[in-house]
PDB file of N, CA and C in Angstrom:
ATOM      1  N   MET A   1     -16.601  -6.853   8.323  1.00  0.00           N
ATOM      2  CA  MET A   1     -16.011  -5.471   8.521  1.00  0.00           C
ATOM      3  C   MET A   1     -14.382  -5.809   8.058  1.00  0.00           C
ATOM      4  N   GLU A   2     -13.933  -4.770   7.591  1.00  0.00           N
ATOM      5  CA  GLU A   2     -12.648  -4.897   7.031  1.00  0.00           C
ATOM      6  C   GLU A   2     -11.609  -4.615   8.125  1.00  0.00           C
ATOM      7  N   PRO A   3     -10.633  -5.362   8.261  1.00  0.00           N
ATOM      8  CA  PRO A   3      -9.646  -5.341   9.393  1.00  0.00           C
ATOM      9  C   PRO A   3      -8.829  -3.990   9.201  1.00  0.00           C
ATOM     10  N   THR A   4      -8.494  -3.481  10.491  1.00  0.00           N
ATOM     11  CA  THR A   4      -7.626  -2.214  10.443  1.00  0.00           C
ATOM     12  C   THR A   4      -6.395  -2.298  11.398  1.00  0.00           C
ATOM     13  N   ILE A   5      -5.485  -1.673  11.255  1.00  0.00           N
ATOM     14  CA  ILE A   5      -4.285  -1.751  12.070  1.00  0.00           C
ATOM     15  C   ILE A   5      -4.672  -1.459  13.589  1.00  0.00           C
ATOM     16  N   ASP A   6      -5.768  -0.557  13.676  1.00  0.00           N
ATOM     17  CA  ASP A   6      -6.319  -0.333  15.103  1.00  0.00           C
ATOM     18  C   ASP A   6      -7.011  -1.445  15.630  1.00  0.00           C
ATOM     19  N   SER A   7      -7.586  -2.287  14.982  1.00  0.00           N
ATOM     20  CA  SER A   7      -8.201  -3.520  15.435  1.00  0.00           C
ATOM     21  C   SER A   7      -7.104  -4.659  15.815  1.00  0.00           C
ATOM     22  N   LEU A   8      -6.224  -4.581  15.018  1.00  0.00           N
ATOM     23  CA  LEU A   8      -5.165  -5.620  15.354  1.00  0.00           C
ATOM     24  C   LEU A   8      -4.404  -5.003  16.733  1.00  0.00           C
ATOM     25  N   ILE A   9      -4.234  -3.849  16.851  1.00  0.00           N
ATOM     26  CA  ILE A   9      -3.604  -3.290  17.974  1.00  0.00           C
ATOM     27  C   ILE A   9      -4.474  -3.553  19.291  1.00  0.00           C
ATOM     28  N   SER A  10      -5.668  -3.521  18.979  1.00  0.00           N
ATOM     29  CA  SER A  10      -6.716  -4.052  20.102  1.00  0.00           C
ATOM     30  C   SER A  10      -6.465  -5.392  20.519  1.00  0.00           C
ATOM     31  N   LEU A  11      -6.322  -6.287  19.580  1.00  0.00           N
ATOM     32  CA  LEU A  11      -6.170  -7.746  19.863  1.00  0.00           C
ATOM     33  C   LEU A  11      -4.733  -7.943  20.663  1.00  0.00           C
ATOM     34  N   LEU A  12      -3.618  -7.014  20.145  1.00  0.00           N
ATOM     35  CA  LEU A  12      -2.448  -7.289  20.617  1.00  0.00           C
ATOM     36  C   LEU A  12      -2.398  -6.841  21.997  1.00  0.00           C
ATOM     37  N   GLU A  13      -3.373  -5.804  22.381  1.00  0.00           N
ATOM     38  CA  GLU A  13      -3.229  -5.331  23.907  1.00  0.00           C
ATOM     39  C   GLU A  13      -3.861  -6.415  24.633  1.00  0.00           C
ATOM     40  N   GLU A  14      -4.798  -7.270  24.004  1.00  0.00           N
ATOM     41  CA  GLU A  14      -5.489  -8.475  24.950  1.00  0.00           C
ATOM     42  C   GLU A  14      -4.229  -9.343  25.434  1.00  0.00           C
ATOM     43  N   ILE A  15      -3.280  -9.692  24.654  1.00  0.00           N
ATOM     44  CA  ILE A  15      -2.557 -10.861  24.659  1.00  0.00           C
ATOM     45  C   ILE A  15      -0.897 -10.604  24.829  1.00  0.00           C
ATOM     46  N   ALA A  16      -0.526  -9.304  24.673  1.00  0.00           N
ATOM     47  CA  ALA A  16       0.810  -9.137  24.793  1.00  0.00           C
ATOM     48  C   ALA A  16       1.561  -9.309  26.189  1.00  0.00           C
ATOM     49  N   PRO A  17       2.481 -10.173  26.176  1.00  0.00           N
ATOM     50  CA  PRO A  17       3.331 -10.138  27.436  1.00  0.00           C
ATOM     51  C   PRO A  17       3.487  -9.244  28.137  1.00  0.00           C
ATOM     52  N   ARG A  18       4.112  -8.038  27.558  1.00  0.00           N
ATOM     53  CA  ARG A  18       4.443  -6.719  28.153  1.00  0.00           C
ATOM     54  C   ARG A  18       3.110  -5.913  28.234  1.00  0.00           C
ATOM     55  N   GLN A  19       2.229  -5.993  29.170  1.00  0.00           N
ATOM     56  CA  GLN A  19       1.041  -5.160  29.189  1.00  0.00           C
ATOM     57  C   GLN A  19       1.374  -3.792  29.513  1.00  0.00           C
ATOM     58  N   ASP A  20       2.544  -3.319  29.999  1.00  0.00           N
ATOM     59  CA  ASP A  20       2.983  -2.128  30.361  1.00  0.00           C
ATOM     60  C   ASP A  20       3.575  -1.304  29.045  1.00  0.00           C
ATOM     61  N   GLN A  21       3.731  -1.898  28.077  1.00  0.00           N
ATOM     62  CA  GLN A  21       4.308  -1.300  26.841  1.00  0.00           C
ATOM     63  C   GLN A  21       3.121  -0.716  25.906  1.00  0.00           C
ATOM     64  N   LEU A  22       3.233   0.619  25.592  1.00  0.00           N
ATOM     65  CA  LEU A  22       2.229   1.235  24.694  1.00  0.00           C
ATOM     66  C   LEU A  22       2.518   0.541  23.260  1.00  0.00           C
ATOM     67  N   ILE A  23       1.413  -0.051  22.596  1.00  0.00           N
ATOM     68  CA  ILE A  23       1.558  -0.535  21.430  1.00  0.00           C
ATOM     69  C   ILE A  23       1.139   0.352  20.136  1.00  0.00           C
ATOM     70  N   THR A  24       1.890   0.360  19.267  1.00  0.00           N
ATOM     71  CA  THR A  24       1.889   1.319  18.280  1.00  0.00           C
ATOM     72  C   THR A  24       2.145   0.371  16.987  1.00  0.00           C
ATOM     73  N   SER A  25       1.977   0.942  15.664  1.00  0.00           N
ATOM     74  CA  SER A  25       2.299   0.387  14.534  1.00  0.00           C
ATOM     75  C   SER A  25       3.754  -0.104  14.251  1.00  0.00           C
ATOM     76  N   ALA A  26       4.534   0.666  14.959  1.00  0.00           N
ATOM     77  CA  ALA A  26       5.958   0.540  14.897  1.00  0.00           C
ATOM     78  C   ALA A  26       6.692  -0.256  16.225  1.00  0.00           C
ATOM     79  N   SER A  27       5.718  -0.726  16.875  1.00  0.00           N
ATOM     80  CA  SER A  27       6.184  -1.635  17.941  1.00  0.00           C
ATOM     81  C   SER A  27       6.716  -2.947  17.289  1.00  0.00           C
ATOM     82  N   HIS A  28       7.953  -3.395  17.891  1.00  0.00           N
ATOM     83  CA  HIS A  28       8.368  -4.868  17.484  1.00  0.00           C
ATOM     84  C   HIS A  28       7.789  -5.762  18.374  1.00  0.00           C
ATOM     85  N   LEU A  29       7.149  -6.902  17.775  1.00  0.00           N
ATOM     86  CA  LEU A  29       6.395  -7.829  18.496  1.00  0.00           C
ATOM     87  C   LEU A  29       7.486  -8.466  19.584  1.00  0.00           C
ATOM     88  N   VAL A  30       8.477  -9.095  19.134  1.00  0.00           N
ATOM     89  CA  VAL A  30       9.536  -9.632  19.816  1.00  0.00           C
ATOM     90  C   VAL A  30      10.353  -8.742  20.826  1.00  0.00           C
ATOM     91  N   ASP A  31      10.894  -7.714  20.261  1.00  0.00           N
ATOM     92  CA  ASP A  31      11.824  -6.824  21.069  1.00  0.00           C
ATOM     93  C   ASP A  31      11.208  -5.983  22.211  1.00  0.00           C
ATOM     94  N   ASP A  32       9.867  -5.295  21.621  1.00  0.00           N
ATOM     95  CA  ASP A  32       9.205  -4.423  22.425  1.00  0.00           C
ATOM     96  C   ASP A  32       8.100  -5.127  23.397  1.00  0.00           C
ATOM     97  N   LEU A  33       7.498  -6.071  22.684  1.00  0.00           N
ATOM     98  CA  LEU A  33       6.280  -6.527  23.451  1.00  0.00           C
ATOM     99  C   LEU A  33       6.537  -7.959  23.859  1.00  0.00           C
ATOM    100  N   ASP A  34       7.701  -8.426  23.824  1.00  0.00           N
ATOM    101  CA  ASP A  34       8.219  -9.722  24.401  1.00  0.00           C
ATOM    102  C   ASP A  34       7.261 -10.985  23.963  1.00  0.00           C
ATOM    103  N   PHE A  35       6.820 -11.025  22.635  1.00  0.00           N
ATOM    104  CA  PHE A  35       6.110 -12.249  22.030  1.00  0.00           C
ATOM    105  C   PHE A  35       7.054 -13.336  21.995  1.00  0.00           C
ATOM    106  N   ASP A  36       6.367 -14.323  22.456  1.00  0.00           N
ATOM    107  CA  ASP A  36       7.120 -15.731  22.419  1.00  0.00           C
ATOM    108  C   ASP A  36       6.115 -16.609  21.784  1.00  0.00           C
ATOM    109  N   ALA A  37       6.537 -18.015  21.717  1.00  0.00           N
ATOM    110  CA  ALA A  37       5.748 -18.875  21.000  1.00  0.00           C
ATOM    111  C   ALA A  37       4.278 -19.050  21.530  1.00  0.00           C
ATOM    112  N   MET A  38       4.101 -18.881  22.890  1.00  0.00           N
ATOM    113  CA  MET A  38       2.734 -18.916  23.503  1.00  0.00           C
ATOM    114  C   MET A  38       2.022 -17.774  22.982  1.00  0.00           C
ATOM    115  N   ALA A  39       2.589 -16.554  23.038  1.00  0.00           N
ATOM    116  CA  ALA A  39       1.824 -15.234  22.584  1.00  0.00           C
ATOM    117  C   ALA A  39       1.482 -15.386  20.991  1.00  0.00           C
ATOM    118  N   PHE A  40       2.369 -15.858  20.266  1.00  0.00           N
ATOM    119  CA  PHE A  40       2.193 -16.069  18.784  1.00  0.00           C
ATOM    120  C   PHE A  40       0.994 -17.003  18.563  1.00  0.00           C
ATOM    121  N   SER A  41       0.920 -18.151  19.483  1.00  0.00           N
ATOM    122  CA  SER A  41      -0.188 -18.998  19.417  1.00  0.00           C
ATOM    123  C   SER A  41      -1.521 -18.381  19.628  1.00  0.00           C
ATOM    124  N   ARG A  42      -1.589 -17.485  20.749  1.00  0.00           N
ATOM    125  CA  ARG A  42      -2.836 -16.899  21.085  1.00  0.00           C
ATOM    126  C   ARG A  42      -3.172 -16.093  19.764  1.00  0.00           C
ATOM    127  N   LEU A  43      -2.241 -15.355  19.350  1.00  0.00           N
ATOM    128  CA  LEU A  43      -2.330 -14.357  18.290  1.00  0.00           C
ATOM    129  C   LEU A  43      -3.159 -15.157  17.102  1.00  0.00           C
ATOM    130  N   GLY A  44      -2.363 -16.314  16.812  1.00  0.00           N
ATOM    131  CA  GLY A  44      -3.078 -17.085  15.604  1.00  0.00           C
ATOM    132  C   GLY A  44      -4.470 -17.394  15.839  1.00  0.00           C
ATOM    133  N   VAL A  45      -4.771 -17.814  17.092  1.00  0.00           N
ATOM    134  CA  VAL A  45      -6.205 -18.151  17.447  1.00  0.00           C
ATOM    135  C   VAL A  45      -7.154 -16.828  17.315  1.00  0.00           C
ATOM    136  N   LEU A  46      -6.717 -15.697  17.762  1.00  0.00           N
ATOM    137  CA  LEU A  46      -7.378 -14.353  17.515  1.00  0.00           C
ATOM    138  C   LEU A  46      -7.503 -13.981  16.061  1.00  0.00           C
ATOM    139  N   ILE A  47      -6.427 -14.154  15.399  1.00  0.00           N
ATOM    140  CA  ILE A  47      -6.626 -13.908  13.912  1.00  0.00           C
ATOM    141  C   ILE A  47      -7.518 -14.810  13.230  1.00  0.00           C
ATOM    142  N   TYR A  48      -7.589 -16.106  13.371  1.00  0.00           N
ATOM    143  CA  TYR A  48      -8.494 -16.839  12.981  1.00  0.00           C
ATOM    144  C   TYR A  48      -9.932 -16.347  13.316  1.00  0.00           C
ATOM    145  N   GLU A  49     -10.045 -16.089  14.772  1.00  0.00           N
ATOM    146  CA  GLU A  49     -11.584 -15.767  15.164  1.00  0.00           C
ATOM    147  C   GLU A  49     -11.982 -14.550  14.439  1.00  0.00           C
ATOM    148  N   ARG A  50     -11.234 -13.592  14.412  1.00  0.00           N
ATOM    149  CA  ARG A  50     -11.535 -12.104  14.060  1.00  0.00           C
ATOM    150  C   ARG A  50     -11.585 -12.107  12.470  1.00  0.00           C
ATOM    151  N   TYR A  51     -10.529 -12.774  11.918  1.00  0.00           N
ATOM    152  CA  TYR A  51     -10.398 -12.364  10.376  1.00  0.00           C
ATOM    153  C   TYR A  51     -10.602 -13.747   9.557  1.00  0.00           C
ATOM    154  N   GLY A  52     -10.746 -14.739  10.128  1.00  0.00           N
ATOM    155  CA  GLY A  52     -10.736 -15.967   9.445  1.00  0.00           C
ATOM    156  C   GLY A  52      -9.455 -16.392   8.771  1.00  0.00           C
ATOM    157  N   ILE A  53      -8.310 -16.117   9.122  1.00  0.00           N
ATOM    158  CA  ILE A  53      -7.140 -16.313   8.705  1.00  0.00           C
ATOM    159  C   ILE A  53      -6.520 -17.387   9.644  1.00  0.00           C
ATOM    160  N   GLY A  54      -6.225 -18.480   8.993  1.00  0.00           N
ATOM    161  CA  GLY A  54      -5.675 -19.575   9.681  1.00  0.00           C
ATOM    162  C   GLY A  54      -4.186 -20.054   9.147  1.00  0.00           C
ATOM    163  N   GLY A  55      -3.482 -20.830  10.121  1.00  0.00           N
ATOM    164  CA  GLY A  55      -2.302 -21.307   9.797  1.00  0.00           C
ATOM    165  C   GLY A  55      -1.104 -20.297   9.488  1.00  0.00           C
ATOM    166  N   LEU A  56      -1.010 -19.395  10.377  1.00  0.00           N
ATOM    167  CA  LEU A  56       0.101 -18.432  10.343  1.00  0.00           C
ATOM    168  C   LEU A  56       1.477 -19.277  10.400  1.00  0.00           C
ATOM    169  N   SER A  57       2.404 -18.994   9.484  1.00  0.00           N
ATOM    170  CA  SER A  57       3.545 -19.827   9.431  1.00  0.00           C
ATOM    171  C   SER A  57       4.649 -18.916   9.891  1.00  0.00           C
ATOM    172  N   SER A  58       5.703 -19.757  10.369  1.00  0.00           N
ATOM    173  CA  SER A  58       6.865 -18.882  10.876  1.00  0.00           C
ATOM    174  C   SER A  58       7.597 -18.377   9.780  1.00  0.00           C
ATOM    175  N   ALA A  59       7.391 -18.637   8.446  1.00  0.00           N
ATOM    176  CA  ALA A  59       8.112 -18.054   7.285  1.00  0.00           C
ATOM    177  C   ALA A  59       7.418 -16.613   7.204  1.00  0.00           C
ATOM    178  N   ALA A  60       6.139 -16.395   7.422  1.00  0.00           N
ATOM    179  CA  ALA A  60       5.522 -15.099   7.380  1.00  0.00           C
ATOM    180  C   ALA A  60       6.095 -14.225   8.378  1.00  0.00           C
ATOM    181  N   MET A  61       6.650 -14.733   9.362  1.00  0.00           N
ATOM    182  CA  MET A  61       7.153 -13.787  10.591  1.00  0.00           C
ATOM    183  C   MET A  61       8.642 -13.610  10.520  1.00  0.00           C
ATOM    184  N   SER A  62       9.209 -13.284   9.255  1.00  0.00           N
ATOM    185  CA  SER A  62      10.631 -12.843   9.194  1.00  0.00           C
ATOM    186  C   SER A  62      11.049 -11.512  10.003  1.00  0.00           C
ATOM    187  N   PRO A  63      12.102 -11.418  10.373  1.00  0.00           N
ATOM    188  CA  PRO A  63      12.456 -10.223  11.025  1.00  0.00           C
ATOM    189  C   PRO A  63      11.878  -8.917  10.670  1.00  0.00           C
ATOM    190  N   GLU A  64      11.986  -8.713   9.309  1.00  0.00           N
ATOM    191  CA  GLU A  64      11.346  -7.449   8.819  1.00  0.00           C
ATOM    192  C   GLU A  64       9.905  -7.258   8.886  1.00  0.00           C
ATOM    193  N   SER A  65       9.123  -8.206   9.263  1.00  0.00           N
ATOM    194  CA  SER A  65       7.733  -8.233   9.341  1.00  0.00           C
ATOM    195  C   SER A  65       7.317  -8.403  10.839  1.00  0.00           C
ATOM    196  N   LEU A  66       8.239  -8.240  11.734  1.00  0.00           N
ATOM    197  CA  LEU A  66       7.719  -8.201  13.032  1.00  0.00           C
ATOM    198  C   LEU A  66       7.203  -7.217  13.915  1.00  0.00           C
ATOM    199  N   THR A  67       7.317  -6.040  13.015  1.00  0.00           N
ATOM    200  CA  THR A  67       6.561  -4.851  13.704  1.00  0.00           C
ATOM    201  C   THR A  67       5.056  -5.195  13.594  1.00  0.00           C
ATOM    202  N   VAL A  68       4.285  -4.309  14.389  1.00  0.00           N
ATOM    203  CA  VAL A  68       2.831  -4.595  14.254  1.00  0.00           C
ATOM    204  C   VAL A  68       2.274  -4.246  12.776  1.00  0.00           C
ATOM    205  N   GLU A  69       2.864  -3.198  12.179  1.00  0.00           N
ATOM    206  CA  GLU A  69       2.555  -2.882  10.916  1.00  0.00           C
ATOM    207  C   GLU A  69       2.991  -3.791   9.714  1.00  0.00           C
ATOM    208  N   GLY A  70       4.070  -4.170  10.020  1.00  0.00           N
ATOM    209  CA  GLY A  70       4.607  -5.302   8.972  1.00  0.00           C
ATOM    210  C   GLY A  70       3.904  -6.655   9.350  1.00  0.00           C
ATOM    211  N   PHE A  71       3.445  -7.024  10.338  1.00  0.00           N
ATOM    212  CA  PHE A  71       2.695  -8.291  10.638  1.00  0.00           C
ATOM    213  C   PHE A  71       1.313  -8.067  10.029  1.00  0.00           C
ATOM    214  N   PHE A  72       0.733  -6.829  10.161  1.00  0.00           N
ATOM    215  CA  PHE A  72      -0.716  -6.652   9.671  1.00  0.00           C
ATOM    216  C   PHE A  72      -0.549  -6.582   8.249  1.00  0.00           C
ATOM    217  N   ARG A  73       0.443  -6.205   7.678  1.00  0.00           N
ATOM    218  CA  ARG A  73       0.342  -5.881   5.908  1.00  0.00           C
ATOM    219  C   ARG A  73       0.620  -7.402   5.475  1.00  0.00           C
ATOM    220  N   ARG A  74       1.657  -8.161   6.020  1.00  0.00           N
ATOM    221  CA  ARG A  74       1.972  -9.534   5.567  1.00  0.00           C
ATOM    222  C   ARG A  74       0.887 -10.483   5.855  1.00  0.00           C
ATOM    223  N   CYS A  75       0.608 -10.550   7.199  1.00  0.00           N
ATOM    224  CA  CYS A  75      -0.485 -11.708   7.624  1.00  0.00           C
ATOM    225  C   CYS A  75      -1.725 -11.466   7.661  1.00  0.00           C
ATOM    226  N   VAL A  76      -2.350 -10.203   7.479  1.00  0.00           N
ATOM    227  CA  VAL A  76      -3.667  -9.818   7.392  1.00  0.00           C
ATOM    228  C   VAL A  76      -4.222  -9.120   5.893  1.00  0.00           C
ATOM    229  N   VAL A  77      -3.482  -8.037   5.521  1.00  0.00           N
ATOM    230  CA  VAL A  77      -3.829  -7.399   4.340  1.00  0.00           C
ATOM    231  C   VAL A  77      -3.523  -8.191   3.269  1.00  0.00           C
ATOM    232  N   ASP A  78      -2.291  -8.668   3.139  1.00  0.00           N
ATOM    233  CA  ASP A  78      -1.910  -9.485   2.068  1.00  0.00           C
ATOM    234  C   ASP A  78      -2.535 -10.844   1.899  1.00  0.00           C
ATOM    235  N   VAL A  79      -2.767 -11.432   3.031  1.00  0.00           N
ATOM    236  CA  VAL A  79      -3.526 -12.686   2.853  1.00  0.00           C
ATOM    237  C   VAL A  79      -4.896 -12.578   2.524  1.00  0.00           C
ATOM    238  N   LEU A  80      -5.608 -11.710   3.014  1.00  0.00           N
ATOM    239  CA  LEU A  80      -7.005 -11.345   2.638  1.00  0.00           C
ATOM    240  C   LEU A  80      -7.185 -10.682   1.090  1.00  0.00           C
ATOM    241  N   GLY A  81      -6.033 -10.172   0.588  1.00  0.00           N
ATOM    242  CA  GLY A  81      -6.142  -9.528  -0.594  1.00  0.00           C
ATOM    243  C   GLY A  81      -6.826  -8.051  -0.641  1.00  0.00           C
ATOM    244  N   LEU A  82      -6.517  -7.401   0.673  1.00  0.00           N
ATOM    245  CA  LEU A  82      -7.130  -6.120   0.860  1.00  0.00           C
ATOM    246  C   LEU A  82      -6.266  -5.058   0.342  1.00  0.00           C
ATOM    247  N   SER A  83      -6.802  -3.894  -0.013  1.00  0.00           N
ATOM    248  CA  SER A  83      -5.966  -2.607  -0.152  1.00  0.00           C
ATOM    249  C   SER A  83      -5.460  -2.313   1.172  1.00  0.00           C
ATOM    250  N   GLU A  84      -4.496  -1.428   1.204  1.00  0.00           N
ATOM    251  CA  GLU A  84      -3.965  -0.791   2.428  1.00  0.00           C
ATOM    252  C   GLU A  84      -4.497   0.292   2.986  1.00  0.00           C
ATOM    253  N   SER A  85      -5.738   0.592   2.657  1.00  0.00           N
ATOM    254  CA  SER A  85      -6.505   1.665   3.217  1.00  0.00           C
ATOM    255  C   SER A  85      -7.144   1.654   4.592  1.00  0.00           C
ATOM    256  N   GLY A  86      -7.169   0.218   5.003  1.00  0.00           N
ATOM    257  CA  GLY A  86      -7.770   0.152   6.248  1.00  0.00           C
ATOM    258  C   GLY A  86      -6.960   0.477   7.477  1.00  0.00           C
ATOM    259  N   GLY A  87      -7.271   1.593   8.020  1.00  0.00           N
ATOM    260  CA  GLY A  87      -6.826   1.744   9.351  1.00  0.00           C
ATOM    261  C   GLY A  87      -6.095   2.886   9.568  1.00  0.00           C
ATOM    262  N   GLY A  88      -6.045   3.493  10.890  1.00  0.00           N
ATOM    263  CA  GLY A  88      -5.436   4.548  11.452  1.00  0.00           C
ATOM    264  C   GLY A  88      -3.976   3.977  11.897  1.00  0.00           C
ATOM    265  N   ASP A  89      -3.615   5.143  12.602  1.00  0.00           N
ATOM    266  CA  ASP A  89      -2.277   4.602  13.302  1.00  0.00           C
ATOM    267  C   ASP A  89      -2.144   5.187  14.625  1.00  0.00           C
ATOM    268  N   ARG A  90      -1.644   4.381  15.405  1.00  0.00           N
ATOM    269  CA  ARG A  90      -1.638   4.734  16.951  1.00  0.00           C
ATOM    270  C   ARG A  90      -0.121   4.950  17.254  1.00  0.00           C
TER     271      ARG A  90
END
């Protein structure tokens, strides 16, 4: 199954430190959702389990990529070499 932004949002809903915050593709992982080292570690495990992508690097998480959509494009779509057609928007 090809990854979608909606499937990533579902993963984030499971682990986001701020459970009260609506998660959209424009949500900022740190500023909006309070992601910290532990949350990024959990995300790394889920990304590996769901998509087979391992070894998320801190370099991949530069400030401009820390929105949900930016993370999805850089750490999932680009890594897997997929087109950007997969996924709706929440």
